[in-house]
């Protein structure tokens, strides 16, 4: 099995080392191994769990709730929910763009009428 240091795991997932240490501290995710000098090592399974945590955080789920649902939801289910949220945001952005386009056209027409 491949193991990653805290720094490697953080870099791979776009997290900070401080975040990983915090997750360990609060019991959200303990590294697979921890040496006597405190060096943490994360397995590939740990990285998948961290991905799930990150997806849940992106869905605005509080950390206290993440712990409750973390092992009840598959990564595919989380990705499907995340995809729906992104599609919703994309629709909102598209509507805002259309509104802005309409306003710009209205201003151009009014400018031409004055």
PDB file of N, CA and C in Angstrom:
ATOM      1  N   UNK A   1       0.846  -1.188   0.000  1.00  0.00           N
ATOM      2  CA  UNK A   1       0.000   0.000   0.000  1.00  0.00           C
ATOM      3  C   UNK A   1       0.884   1.240   0.000  1.00  0.00           C
ATOM      4  N   UNK A   2       0.439   2.257  -0.700  1.00  0.00           N
ATOM      5  CA  UNK A   2       1.171   3.513  -0.793  1.00  0.00           C
ATOM      6  C   UNK A   2       0.693   4.454   0.322  1.00  0.00           C
ATOM      7  N   UNK A   3       1.655   5.122   0.966  1.00  0.00           N
ATOM      8  CA  UNK A   3       1.334   6.093   2.012  1.00  0.00           C
ATOM      9  C   UNK A   3       1.875   7.459   1.628  1.00  0.00           C
ATOM     10  N   UNK A   4       1.173   8.479   2.062  1.00  0.00           N
ATOM     11  CA  UNK A   4       1.543   9.859   1.768  1.00  0.00           C
ATOM     12  C   UNK A   4       1.761  10.613   3.072  1.00  0.00           C
ATOM     13  N   UNK A   5       2.762  11.461   3.089  1.00  0.00           N
ATOM     14  CA  UNK A   5       2.976  12.309   4.260  1.00  0.00           C
ATOM     15  C   UNK A   5       1.853  13.336   4.328  1.00  0.00           C
ATOM     16  N   UNK A   6       1.774  14.046   5.426  1.00  0.00           N
ATOM     17  CA  UNK A   6       0.747  15.074   5.572  1.00  0.00           C
ATOM     18  C   UNK A   6       0.887  16.120   4.471  1.00  0.00           C
ATOM     19  N   UNK A   7       2.115  16.533   4.203  1.00  0.00           N
ATOM     20  CA  UNK A   7       2.357  17.525   3.161  1.00  0.00           C
ATOM     21  C   UNK A   7       1.969  17.019   1.785  1.00  0.00           C
ATOM     22  N   UNK A   8       2.310  15.775   1.484  1.00  0.00           N
ATOM     23  CA  UNK A   8       1.969  15.197   0.187  1.00  0.00           C
ATOM     24  C   UNK A   8       0.455  15.082   0.025  1.00  0.00           C
ATOM     25  N   UNK A   9      -0.209  14.599   1.077  1.00  0.00           N
ATOM     26  CA  UNK A   9      -1.673  14.449   1.024  1.00  0.00           C
ATOM     27  C   UNK A   9      -2.341  15.808   0.854  1.00  0.00           C
ATOM     28  N   UNK A  10      -1.865  16.792   1.598  1.00  0.00           N
ATOM     29  CA  UNK A  10      -2.440  18.137   1.515  1.00  0.00           C
ATOM     30  C   UNK A  10      -2.274  18.697   0.106  1.00  0.00           C
ATOM     31  N   UNK A  11      -1.090  18.564  -0.442  1.00  0.00           N
ATOM     32  CA  UNK A  11      -0.824  19.088  -1.787  1.00  0.00           C
ATOM     33  C   UNK A  11      -1.678  18.377  -2.830  1.00  0.00           C
ATOM     34  N   UNK A  12      -1.774  17.067  -2.714  1.00  0.00           N
ATOM     35  CA  UNK A  12      -2.533  16.259  -3.676  1.00  0.00           C
ATOM     36  C   UNK A  12      -4.005  16.672  -3.704  1.00  0.00           C
ATOM     37  N   UNK A  13      -4.546  17.070  -2.549  1.00  0.00           N
ATOM     38  CA  UNK A  13      -5.970  17.387  -2.448  1.00  0.00           C
ATOM     39  C   UNK A  13      -6.267  18.886  -2.396  1.00  0.00           C
ATOM     40  N   UNK A  14      -5.221  19.705  -2.442  1.00  0.00           N
ATOM     41  CA  UNK A  14      -5.436  21.151  -2.389  1.00  0.00           C
ATOM     42  C   UNK A  14      -5.884  21.634  -1.022  1.00  0.00           C
ATOM     43  N   UNK A  15      -5.439  20.936   0.012  1.00  0.00           N
ATOM     44  CA  UNK A  15      -5.753  21.314   1.386  1.00  0.00           C
ATOM     45  C   UNK A  15      -4.485  21.828   2.058  1.00  0.00           C
ATOM     46  N   UNK A  16      -4.635  22.345   3.245  1.00  0.00           N
ATOM     47  CA  UNK A  16      -3.465  22.747   4.000  1.00  0.00           C
ATOM     48  C   UNK A  16      -3.105  21.653   4.995  1.00  0.00           C
ATOM     49  N   UNK A  17      -1.846  21.640   5.384  1.00  0.00           N
ATOM     50  CA  UNK A  17      -1.385  20.700   6.414  1.00  0.00           C
ATOM     51  C   UNK A  17      -2.160  20.962   7.695  1.00  0.00           C
ATOM     52  N   UNK A  18      -2.393  22.220   7.968  1.00  0.00           N
ATOM     53  CA  UNK A  18      -3.143  22.598   9.175  1.00  0.00           C
ATOM     54  C   UNK A  18      -4.539  21.976   9.171  1.00  0.00           C
ATOM     55  N   UNK A  19      -5.187  21.955   8.009  1.00  0.00           N
ATOM     56  CA  UNK A  19      -6.519  21.359   7.892  1.00  0.00           C
ATOM     57  C   UNK A  19      -6.477  19.872   8.223  1.00  0.00           C
ATOM     58  N   UNK A  20      -5.494  19.168   7.670  1.00  0.00           N
ATOM     59  CA  UNK A  20      -5.385  17.728   7.936  1.00  0.00           C
ATOM     60  C   UNK A  20      -5.138  17.466   9.416  1.00  0.00           C
ATOM     61  N   UNK A  21      -4.294  18.273  10.021  1.00  0.00           N
ATOM     62  CA  UNK A  21      -4.039  18.110  11.460  1.00  0.00           C
ATOM     63  C   UNK A  21      -5.305  18.391  12.266  1.00  0.00           C
ATOM     64  N   UNK A  22      -6.070  19.382  11.834  1.00  0.00           N
ATOM     65  CA  UNK A  22      -7.319  19.705  12.513  1.00  0.00           C
ATOM     66  C   UNK A  22      -8.310  18.553  12.403  1.00  0.00           C
ATOM     67  N   UNK A  23      -8.440  17.975  11.223  1.00  0.00           N
ATOM     68  CA  UNK A  23      -9.334  16.828  11.043  1.00  0.00           C
ATOM     69  C   UNK A  23      -8.935  15.684  11.971  1.00  0.00           C
ATOM     70  N   UNK A  24      -7.648  15.471  12.141  1.00  0.00           N
ATOM     71  CA  UNK A  24      -7.158  14.440  13.053  1.00  0.00           C
ATOM     72  C   UNK A  24      -7.519  14.810  14.488  1.00  0.00           C
ATOM     73  N   UNK A  25      -7.301  16.061  14.833  1.00  0.00           N
ATOM     74  CA  UNK A  25      -7.564  16.544  16.194  1.00  0.00           C
ATOM     75  C   UNK A  25      -9.029  16.380  16.596  1.00  0.00           C
ATOM     76  N   UNK A  26      -9.939  16.694  15.670  1.00  0.00           N
ATOM     77  CA  UNK A  26     -11.367  16.610  16.002  1.00  0.00           C
ATOM     78  C   UNK A  26     -11.952  15.225  15.765  1.00  0.00           C
ATOM     79  N   UNK A  27     -11.125  14.309  15.239  1.00  0.00           N
ATOM     80  CA  UNK A  27     -11.585  12.939  15.035  1.00  0.00           C
ATOM     81  C   UNK A  27     -12.339  12.714  13.744  1.00  0.00           C
ATOM     82  N   UNK A  28     -12.296  13.681  12.832  1.00  0.00           N
ATOM     83  CA  UNK A  28     -12.989  13.512  11.554  1.00  0.00           C
ATOM     84  C   UNK A  28     -12.270  12.497  10.674  1.00  0.00           C
ATOM     85  N   UNK A  29     -10.952  12.585  10.640  1.00  0.00           N
ATOM     86  CA  UNK A  29     -10.164  11.616   9.879  1.00  0.00           C
ATOM     87  C   UNK A  29      -8.799  11.463  10.524  1.00  0.00           C
ATOM     88  N   UNK A  30      -8.552  10.277  11.013  1.00  0.00           N
ATOM     89  CA  UNK A  30      -7.238   9.971  11.552  1.00  0.00           C
ATOM     90  C   UNK A  30      -6.400   9.364  10.436  1.00  0.00           C
ATOM     91  N   UNK A  31      -5.121   9.715  10.376  1.00  0.00           N
ATOM     92  CA  UNK A  31      -4.262   9.098   9.360  1.00  0.00           C
ATOM     93  C   UNK A  31      -4.128   7.604   9.635  1.00  0.00           C
ATOM     94  N   UNK A  32      -3.806   6.849   8.596  1.00  0.00           N
ATOM     95  CA  UNK A  32      -3.659   5.394   8.753  1.00  0.00           C
ATOM     96  C   UNK A  32      -2.570   5.039   9.748  1.00  0.00           C
ATOM     97  N   UNK A  33      -1.487   5.805   9.731  1.00  0.00           N
ATOM     98  CA  UNK A  33      -0.410   5.551  10.682  1.00  0.00           C
ATOM     99  C   UNK A  33       0.082   6.865  11.268  1.00  0.00           C
ATOM    100  N   UNK A  34       0.579   6.748  12.476  1.00  0.00           N
ATOM    101  CA  UNK A  34       1.182   7.899  13.138  1.00  0.00           C
ATOM    102  C   UNK A  34       2.378   7.374  13.912  1.00  0.00           C
ATOM    103  N   UNK A  35       3.557   7.892  13.606  1.00  0.00           N
ATOM    104  CA  UNK A  35       4.772   7.405  14.263  1.00  0.00           C
ATOM    105  C   UNK A  35       4.885   7.984  15.670  1.00  0.00           C
ATOM    106  N   UNK A  36       5.836   7.468  16.418  1.00  0.00           N
ATOM    107  CA  UNK A  36       6.040   7.942  17.788  1.00  0.00           C
ATOM    108  C   UNK A  36       6.366   9.430  17.835  1.00  0.00           C
ATOM    109  N   UNK A  37       7.053   9.922  16.810  1.00  0.00           N
ATOM    110  CA  UNK A  37       7.387  11.351  16.794  1.00  0.00           C
ATOM    111  C   UNK A  37       6.250  12.215  16.227  1.00  0.00           C
ATOM    112  N   UNK A  38       5.100  11.594  15.941  1.00  0.00           N
ATOM    113  CA  UNK A  38       3.911  12.327  15.505  1.00  0.00           C
ATOM    114  C   UNK A  38       3.739  12.462  14.005  1.00  0.00           C
ATOM    115  N   UNK A  39       4.641  11.863  13.235  1.00  0.00           N
ATOM    116  CA  UNK A  39       4.525  11.950  11.772  1.00  0.00           C
ATOM    117  C   UNK A  39       3.327  11.132  11.303  1.00  0.00           C
ATOM    118  N   UNK A  40       2.448  11.797  10.565  1.00  0.00           N
ATOM    119  CA  UNK A  40       1.235  11.161  10.065  1.00  0.00           C
ATOM    120  C   UNK A  40       1.472  10.642   8.644  1.00  0.00           C
ATOM    121  N   UNK A  41       0.854   9.502   8.343  1.00  0.00           N
ATOM    122  CA  UNK A  41       0.905   8.944   6.989  1.00  0.00           C
ATOM    123  C   UNK A  41      -0.514   8.574   6.574  1.00  0.00           C
ATOM    124  N   UNK A  42      -0.861   9.001   5.373  1.00  0.00           N
ATOM    125  CA  UNK A  42      -2.211   8.782   4.858  1.00  0.00           C
ATOM    126  C   UNK A  42      -2.195   7.759   3.728  1.00  0.00           C
ATOM    127  N   UNK A  43      -3.126   6.828   3.789  1.00  0.00           N
ATOM    128  CA  UNK A  43      -3.245   5.801   2.748  1.00  0.00           C
ATOM    129  C   UNK A  43      -4.089   6.340   1.599  1.00  0.00           C
ATOM    130  N   UNK A  44      -4.142   5.579   0.526  1.00  0.00           N
ATOM    131  CA  UNK A  44      -4.991   5.956  -0.607  1.00  0.00           C
ATOM    132  C   UNK A  44      -6.459   5.991  -0.182  1.00  0.00           C
ATOM    133  N   UNK A  45      -6.837   5.092   0.710  1.00  0.00           N
ATOM    134  CA  UNK A  45      -8.213   5.081   1.242  1.00  0.00           C
ATOM    135  C   UNK A  45      -8.483   6.365   2.015  1.00  0.00           C
ATOM    136  N   UNK A  46      -7.489   6.809   2.791  1.00  0.00           N
ATOM    137  CA  UNK A  46      -7.634   8.077   3.521  1.00  0.00           C
ATOM    138  C   UNK A  46      -7.850   9.236   2.546  1.00  0.00           C
ATOM    139  N   UNK A  47      -7.138   9.195   1.423  1.00  0.00           N
ATOM    140  CA  UNK A  47      -7.275  10.271   0.438  1.00  0.00           C
ATOM    141  C   UNK A  47      -8.678  10.293  -0.168  1.00  0.00           C
ATOM    142  N   UNK A  48      -9.256   9.121  -0.386  1.00  0.00           N
ATOM    143  CA  UNK A  48     -10.637   9.057  -0.895  1.00  0.00           C
ATOM    144  C   UNK A  48     -11.590   9.661   0.146  1.00  0.00           C
ATOM    145  N   UNK A  49     -11.362   9.331   1.400  1.00  0.00           N
ATOM    146  CA  UNK A  49     -12.192   9.891   2.476  1.00  0.00           C
ATOM    147  C   UNK A  49     -12.030  11.405   2.527  1.00  0.00           C
ATOM    148  N   UNK A  50     -10.814  11.886   2.357  1.00  0.00           N
ATOM    149  CA  UNK A  50     -10.582  13.335   2.329  1.00  0.00           C
ATOM    150  C   UNK A  50     -11.291  13.990   1.149  1.00  0.00           C
ATOM    151  N   UNK A  51     -11.331  13.293   0.022  1.00  0.00           N
ATOM    152  CA  UNK A  51     -12.081  13.804  -1.139  1.00  0.00           C
ATOM    153  C   UNK A  51     -13.560  13.937  -0.793  1.00  0.00           C
ATOM    154  N   UNK A  52     -14.094  12.942  -0.107  1.00  0.00           N
ATOM    155  CA  UNK A  52     -15.500  12.988   0.303  1.00  0.00           C
ATOM    156  C   UNK A  52     -15.738  14.171   1.243  1.00  0.00           C
ATOM    157  N   UNK A  53     -14.828  14.362   2.191  1.00  0.00           N
ATOM    158  CA  UNK A  53     -14.953  15.482   3.126  1.00  0.00           C
ATOM    159  C   UNK A  53     -14.951  16.803   2.356  1.00  0.00           C
ATOM    160  N   UNK A  54     -14.036  16.921   1.397  1.00  0.00           N
ATOM    161  CA  UNK A  54     -13.929  18.141   0.600  1.00  0.00           C
ATOM    162  C   UNK A  54     -15.212  18.382  -0.193  1.00  0.00           C
ATOM    163  N   UNK A  55     -15.754  17.337  -0.804  1.00  0.00           N
ATOM    164  CA  UNK A  55     -17.008  17.486  -1.552  1.00  0.00           C
ATOM    165  C   UNK A  55     -18.149  17.921  -0.635  1.00  0.00           C
ATOM    166  N   UNK A  56     -18.227  17.313   0.535  1.00  0.00           N
ATOM    167  CA  UNK A  56     -19.285  17.685   1.476  1.00  0.00           C
ATOM    168  C   UNK A  56     -19.113  19.131   1.936  1.00  0.00           C
ATOM    169  N   UNK A  57     -17.878  19.550   2.171  1.00  0.00           N
ATOM    170  CA  UNK A  57     -17.637  20.947   2.547  1.00  0.00           C
ATOM    171  C   UNK A  57     -18.056  21.876   1.418  1.00  0.00           C
ATOM    172  N   UNK A  58     -17.788  21.493   0.168  1.00  0.00           N
ATOM    173  CA  UNK A  58     -18.190  22.305  -0.980  1.00  0.00           C
ATOM    174  C   UNK A  58     -19.701  22.398  -1.106  1.00  0.00           C
ATOM    175  N   UNK A  59     -20.397  21.438  -0.527  1.00  0.00           N
ATOM    176  CA  UNK A  59     -21.862  21.460  -0.513  1.00  0.00           C
ATOM    177  C   UNK A  59     -22.385  22.195   0.720  1.00  0.00           C
ATOM    178  N   UNK A  60     -21.469  22.830   1.454  1.00  0.00           N
ATOM    179  CA  UNK A  60     -21.789  23.632   2.644  1.00  0.00           C
ATOM    180  C   UNK A  60     -22.318  22.796   3.807  1.00  0.00           C
ATOM    181  N   UNK A  61     -21.879  21.551   3.885  1.00  0.00           N
ATOM    182  CA  UNK A  61     -22.259  20.694   5.011  1.00  0.00           C
ATOM    183  C   UNK A  61     -21.294  20.993   6.155  1.00  0.00           C
ATOM    184  N   UNK A  62     -21.818  21.314   7.353  1.00  0.00           N
ATOM    185  CA  UNK A  62     -20.943  21.590   8.490  1.00  0.00           C
ATOM    186  C   UNK A  62     -20.115  20.350   8.876  1.00  0.00           C
ATOM    187  N   UNK A  63     -18.916  20.586   9.406  1.00  0.00           N
ATOM    188  CA  UNK A  63     -18.025  19.480   9.774  1.00  0.00           C
ATOM    189  C   UNK A  63     -18.691  18.496  10.727  1.00  0.00           C
ATOM    190  N   UNK A  64     -19.475  18.990  11.660  1.00  0.00           N
ATOM    191  CA  UNK A  64     -20.122  18.085  12.626  1.00  0.00           C
ATOM    192  C   UNK A  64     -21.090  17.130  11.927  1.00  0.00           C
ATOM    193  N   UNK A  65     -21.708  17.587  10.834  1.00  0.00           N
ATOM    194  CA  UNK A  65     -22.618  16.735  10.075  1.00  0.00           C
ATOM    195  C   UNK A  65     -21.866  15.820   9.121  1.00  0.00           C
ATOM    196  N   UNK A  66     -20.720  16.287   8.637  1.00  0.00           N
ATOM    197  CA  UNK A  66     -19.909  15.473   7.728  1.00  0.00           C
ATOM    198  C   UNK A  66     -19.538  14.163   8.401  1.00  0.00           C
ATOM    199  N   UNK A  67     -19.154  14.240   9.654  1.00  0.00           N
ATOM    200  CA  UNK A  67     -18.769  13.024  10.374  1.00  0.00           C
ATOM    201  C   UNK A  67     -19.912  12.024  10.435  1.00  0.00           C
ATOM    202  N   UNK A  68     -21.134  12.510  10.570  1.00  0.00           N
ATOM    203  CA  UNK A  68     -22.297  11.632  10.674  1.00  0.00           C
ATOM    204  C   UNK A  68     -22.628  10.927   9.367  1.00  0.00           C
ATOM    205  N   UNK A  69     -22.411  11.601   8.231  1.00  0.00           N
ATOM    206  CA  UNK A  69     -22.816  11.017   6.954  1.00  0.00           C
ATOM    207  C   UNK A  69     -21.653  10.510   6.111  1.00  0.00           C
ATOM    208  N   UNK A  70     -20.437  10.721   6.563  1.00  0.00           N
ATOM    209  CA  UNK A  70     -19.241  10.426   5.773  1.00  0.00           C
ATOM    210  C   UNK A  70     -19.213   9.010   5.226  1.00  0.00           C
ATOM    211  N   UNK A  71     -19.530   8.037   6.029  1.00  0.00           N
ATOM    212  CA  UNK A  71     -19.420   6.646   5.596  1.00  0.00           C
ATOM    213  C   UNK A  71     -20.756   6.066   5.115  1.00  0.00           C
ATOM    214  N   UNK A  72     -21.771   6.919   5.055  1.00  0.00           N
ATOM    215  CA  UNK A  72     -23.084   6.465   4.599  1.00  0.00           C
ATOM    216  C   UNK A  72     -23.336   6.816   3.133  1.00  0.00           C
ATOM    217  N   UNK A  73     -22.474   7.653   2.567  1.00  0.00           N
ATOM    218  CA  UNK A  73     -22.676   8.135   1.206  1.00  0.00           C
ATOM    219  C   UNK A  73     -21.449   7.767   0.370  1.00  0.00           C
ATOM    220  N   UNK A  74     -21.696   7.266  -0.834  1.00  0.00           N
ATOM    221  CA  UNK A  74     -20.588   6.896  -1.709  1.00  0.00           C
ATOM    222  C   UNK A  74     -20.028   8.139  -2.401  1.00  0.00           C
ATOM    223  N   UNK A  75     -18.839   8.004  -2.902  1.00  0.00           N
ATOM    224  CA  UNK A  75     -18.208   9.115  -3.628  1.00  0.00           C
ATOM    225  C   UNK A  75     -19.027   9.448  -4.880  1.00  0.00           C
ATOM    226  N   UNK A  76     -19.606   8.449  -5.514  1.00  0.00           N
ATOM    227  CA  UNK A  76     -20.432   8.683  -6.704  1.00  0.00           C
ATOM    228  C   UNK A  76     -21.668   9.497  -6.353  1.00  0.00           C
ATOM    229  N   UNK A  77     -22.299   9.178  -5.236  1.00  0.00           N
ATOM    230  CA  UNK A  77     -23.475   9.945  -4.806  1.00  0.00           C
ATOM    231  C   UNK A  77     -23.095  11.390  -4.511  1.00  0.00           C
ATOM    232  N   UNK A  78     -21.956  11.581  -3.858  1.00  0.00           N
ATOM    233  CA  UNK A  78     -21.498  12.935  -3.556  1.00  0.00           C
ATOM    234  C   UNK A  78     -21.200  13.709  -4.835  1.00  0.00           C
ATOM    235  N   UNK A  79     -20.568  13.036  -5.782  1.00  0.00           N
ATOM    236  CA  UNK A  79     -20.263  13.701  -7.050  1.00  0.00           C
ATOM    237  C   UNK A  79     -21.535  14.066  -7.808  1.00  0.00           C
ATOM    238  N   UNK A  80     -22.542  13.220  -7.736  1.00  0.00           N
ATOM    239  CA  UNK A  80     -23.817  13.512  -8.396  1.00  0.00           C
ATOM    240  C   UNK A  80     -24.477  14.739  -7.768  1.00  0.00           C
ATOM    241  N   UNK A  81     -24.453  14.815  -6.453  1.00  0.00           N
ATOM    242  CA  UNK A  81     -25.018  15.978  -5.749  1.00  0.00           C
ATOM    243  C   UNK A  81     -24.222  17.230  -6.090  1.00  0.00           C
ATOM    244  N   UNK A  82     -22.900  17.095  -6.082  1.00  0.00           N
ATOM    245  CA  UNK A  82     -22.022  18.223  -6.404  1.00  0.00           C
ATOM    246  C   UNK A  82     -22.279  18.703  -7.841  1.00  0.00           C
ATOM    247  N   UNK A  83     -22.458  17.767  -8.746  1.00  0.00           N
ATOM    248  CA  UNK A  83     -22.737  18.110 -10.137  1.00  0.00           C
ATOM    249  C   UNK A  83     -24.046  18.884 -10.248  1.00  0.00           C
ATOM    250  N   UNK A  84     -25.064  18.459  -9.504  1.00  0.00           N
ATOM    251  CA  UNK A  84     -26.349  19.168  -9.520  1.00  0.00           C
ATOM    252  C   UNK A  84     -26.186  20.598  -9.015  1.00  0.00           C
ATOM    253  N   UNK A  85     -25.417  20.770  -7.947  1.00  0.00           N
ATOM    254  CA  UNK A  85     -25.183  22.106  -7.398  1.00  0.00           C
ATOM    255  C   UNK A  85     -24.453  22.989  -8.408  1.00  0.00           C
ATOM    256  N   UNK A  86     -23.456  22.413  -9.081  1.00  0.00           N
ATOM    257  CA  UNK A  86     -22.717  23.178 -10.084  1.00  0.00           C
ATOM    258  C   UNK A  86     -23.613  23.565 -11.255  1.00  0.00           C
ATOM    259  N   UNK A  87     -24.488  22.650 -11.673  1.00  0.00           N
ATOM    260  CA  UNK A  87     -25.420  22.960 -12.758  1.00  0.00           C
ATOM    261  C   UNK A  87     -26.372  24.081 -12.343  1.00  0.00           C
ATOM    262  N   UNK A  88     -26.808  24.052 -11.093  1.00  0.00           N
ATOM    263  CA  UNK A  88     -27.683  25.106 -10.585  1.00  0.00           C
ATOM    264  C   UNK A  88     -26.950  26.449 -10.597  1.00  0.00           C
ATOM    265  N   UNK A  89     -25.701  26.462 -10.149  1.00  0.00           N
ATOM    266  CA  UNK A  89     -24.910  27.693 -10.163  1.00  0.00           C
ATOM    267  C   UNK A  89     -24.694  28.179 -11.592  1.00  0.00           C
ATOM    268  N   UNK A  90     -24.452  27.247 -12.506  1.00  0.00           N
ATOM    269  CA  UNK A  90     -24.246  27.609 -13.906  1.00  0.00           C
ATOM    270  C   UNK A  90     -25.505  28.265 -14.476  1.00  0.00           C
ATOM    271  N   UNK A  91     -26.673  27.743 -14.122  1.00  0.00           N
ATOM    272  CA  UNK A  91     -27.929  28.340 -14.587  1.00  0.00           C
ATOM    273  C   UNK A  91     -28.096  29.742 -14.025  1.00  0.00           C
ATOM    274  N   UNK A  92     -27.746  29.921 -12.751  1.00  0.00           N
ATOM    275  CA  UNK A  92     -27.853  31.243 -12.129  1.00  0.00           C
ATOM    276  C   UNK A  92     -26.909  32.232 -12.804  1.00  0.00           C
ATOM    277  N   UNK A  93     -25.713  31.790 -13.127  1.00  0.00           N
ATOM    278  CA  UNK A  93     -24.753  32.654 -13.813  1.00  0.00           C
ATOM    279  C   UNK A  93     -25.257  32.996 -15.204  1.00  0.00           C
ATOM    280  N   UNK A  94     -25.807  32.006 -15.903  1.00  0.00           N
ATOM    281  CA  UNK A  94     -26.347  32.250 -17.241  1.00  0.00           C
ATOM    282  C   UNK A  94     -27.474  33.274 -17.187  1.00  0.00           C
ATOM    283  N   UNK A  95     -28.355  33.176 -16.196  1.00  0.00           N
ATOM    284  CA  UNK A  95     -29.444  34.134 -16.052  1.00  0.00           C
ATOM    285  C   UNK A  95     -28.899  35.531 -15.769  1.00  0.00           C
ATOM    286  N   UNK A  96     -27.873  35.611 -14.933  1.00  0.00           N
ATOM    287  CA  UNK A  96     -27.260  36.903 -14.625  1.00  0.00           C
ATOM    288  C   UNK A  96     -26.618  37.513 -15.879  1.00  0.00           C
ATOM    289  N   UNK A  97     -25.972  36.677 -16.679  1.00  0.00           N
ATOM    290  CA  UNK A  97     -25.379  37.159 -17.929  1.00  0.00           C
ATOM    291  C   UNK A  97     -26.445  37.687 -18.877  1.00  0.00           C
ATOM    292  N   UNK A  98     -27.543  36.955 -18.997  1.00  0.00           N
ATOM    293  CA  UNK A  98     -28.634  37.386 -19.870  1.00  0.00           C
ATOM    294  C   UNK A  98     -29.240  38.696 -19.383  1.00  0.00           C
ATOM    295  N   UNK A  99     -29.399  38.827 -18.088  1.00  0.00           N
ATOM    296  CA  UNK A  99     -29.940  40.058 -17.500  1.00  0.00           C
ATOM    297  C   UNK A  99     -29.004  41.232 -17.791  1.00  0.00           C
ATOM    298  N   UNK A 100     -27.710  40.996 -17.613  1.00  0.00           N
ATOM    299  CA  UNK A 100     -26.720  42.043 -17.882  1.00  0.00           C
ATOM    300  C   UNK A 100     -26.740  42.438 -19.354  1.00  0.00           C
ATOM    301  N   UNK A 101     -26.841  41.469 -20.223  1.00  0.00           N
ATOM    302  CA  UNK A 101     -26.913  41.731 -21.669  1.00  0.00           C
ATOM    303  C   UNK A 101     -28.142  42.581 -21.989  1.00  0.00           C
ATOM    304  N   UNK A 102     -29.264  42.240 -21.391  1.00  0.00           N
ATOM    305  CA  UNK A 102     -30.506  42.990 -21.600  1.00  0.00           C
ATOM    306  C   UNK A 102     -30.352  44.425 -21.112  1.00  0.00           C
ATOM    307  N   UNK A 103     -29.751  44.593 -19.952  1.00  0.00           N
ATOM    308  CA  UNK A 103     -29.556  45.945 -19.414  1.00  0.00           C
ATOM    309  C   UNK A 103     -28.639  46.771 -20.317  1.00  0.00           C
ATOM    310  N   UNK A 104     -27.579  46.169 -20.807  1.00  0.00           N
ATOM    311  CA  UNK A 104     -26.659  46.882 -21.702  1.00  0.00           C
ATOM    312  C   UNK A 104     -27.383  47.306 -22.978  1.00  0.00           C
ATOM    313  N   UNK A 105     -28.200  46.400 -23.513  1.00  0.00           N
ATOM    314  CA  UNK A 105     -28.966  46.751 -24.720  1.00  0.00           C
ATOM    315  C   UNK A 105     -29.947  47.881 -24.448  1.00  0.00           C
ATOM    316  N   UNK A 106     -30.594  47.848 -23.286  1.00  0.00           N
ATOM    317  CA  UNK A 106     -31.535  48.911 -22.911  1.00  0.00           C
ATOM    318  C   UNK A 106     -30.822  50.250 -22.816  1.00  0.00           C
ATOM    319  N   UNK A 107     -29.639  50.253 -22.235  1.00  0.00           N
ATOM    320  CA  UNK A 107     -28.866  51.492 -22.097  1.00  0.00           C
ATOM    321  C   UNK A 107     -28.454  52.015 -23.470  1.00  0.00           C
ATOM    322  N   UNK A 108     -28.056  51.120 -24.365  1.00  0.00           N
ATOM    323  CA  UNK A 108     -27.673  51.539 -25.727  1.00  0.00           C
ATOM    324  C   UNK A 108     -28.853  52.172 -26.456  1.00  0.00           C
ATOM    325  N   UNK A 109     -30.029  51.549 -26.308  1.00  0.00           N
ATOM    326  CA  UNK A 109     -31.230  52.073 -26.969  1.00  0.00           C
ATOM    327  C   UNK A 109     -31.617  53.415 -26.384  1.00  0.00           C
ATOM    328  N   UNK A 110     -31.620  53.533 -25.064  1.00  0.00           N
ATOM    329  CA  UNK A 110     -31.962  54.793 -24.416  1.00  0.00           C
ATOM    330  C   UNK A 110     -30.983  55.891 -24.817  1.00  0.00           C
ATOM    331  N   UNK A 111     -29.699  55.504 -24.900  1.00  0.00           N
ATOM    332  CA  UNK A 111     -28.676  56.488 -25.304  1.00  0.00           C
ATOM    333  C   UNK A 111     -28.927  56.997 -26.703  1.00  0.00           C
ATOM    334  N   UNK A 112     -29.387  56.106 -27.564  1.00  0.00           N
ATOM    335  CA  UNK A 112     -29.664  56.490 -28.942  1.00  0.00           C
ATOM    336  C   UNK A 112     -30.914  57.347 -29.029  1.00  0.00           C
ATOM    337  N   UNK A 113     -31.861  57.159 -28.109  1.00  0.00           N
ATOM    338  CA  UNK A 113     -33.104  57.931 -28.127  1.00  0.00           C
ATOM    339  C   UNK A 113     -32.895  59.335 -27.557  1.00  0.00           C
ATOM    340  N   UNK A 114     -31.946  59.514 -26.681  1.00  0.00           N
ATOM    341  CA  UNK A 114     -31.714  60.835 -26.061  1.00  0.00           C
ATOM    342  C   UNK A 114     -31.020  61.780 -26.979  1.00  0.00           C
TER     343      UNK A 114
END
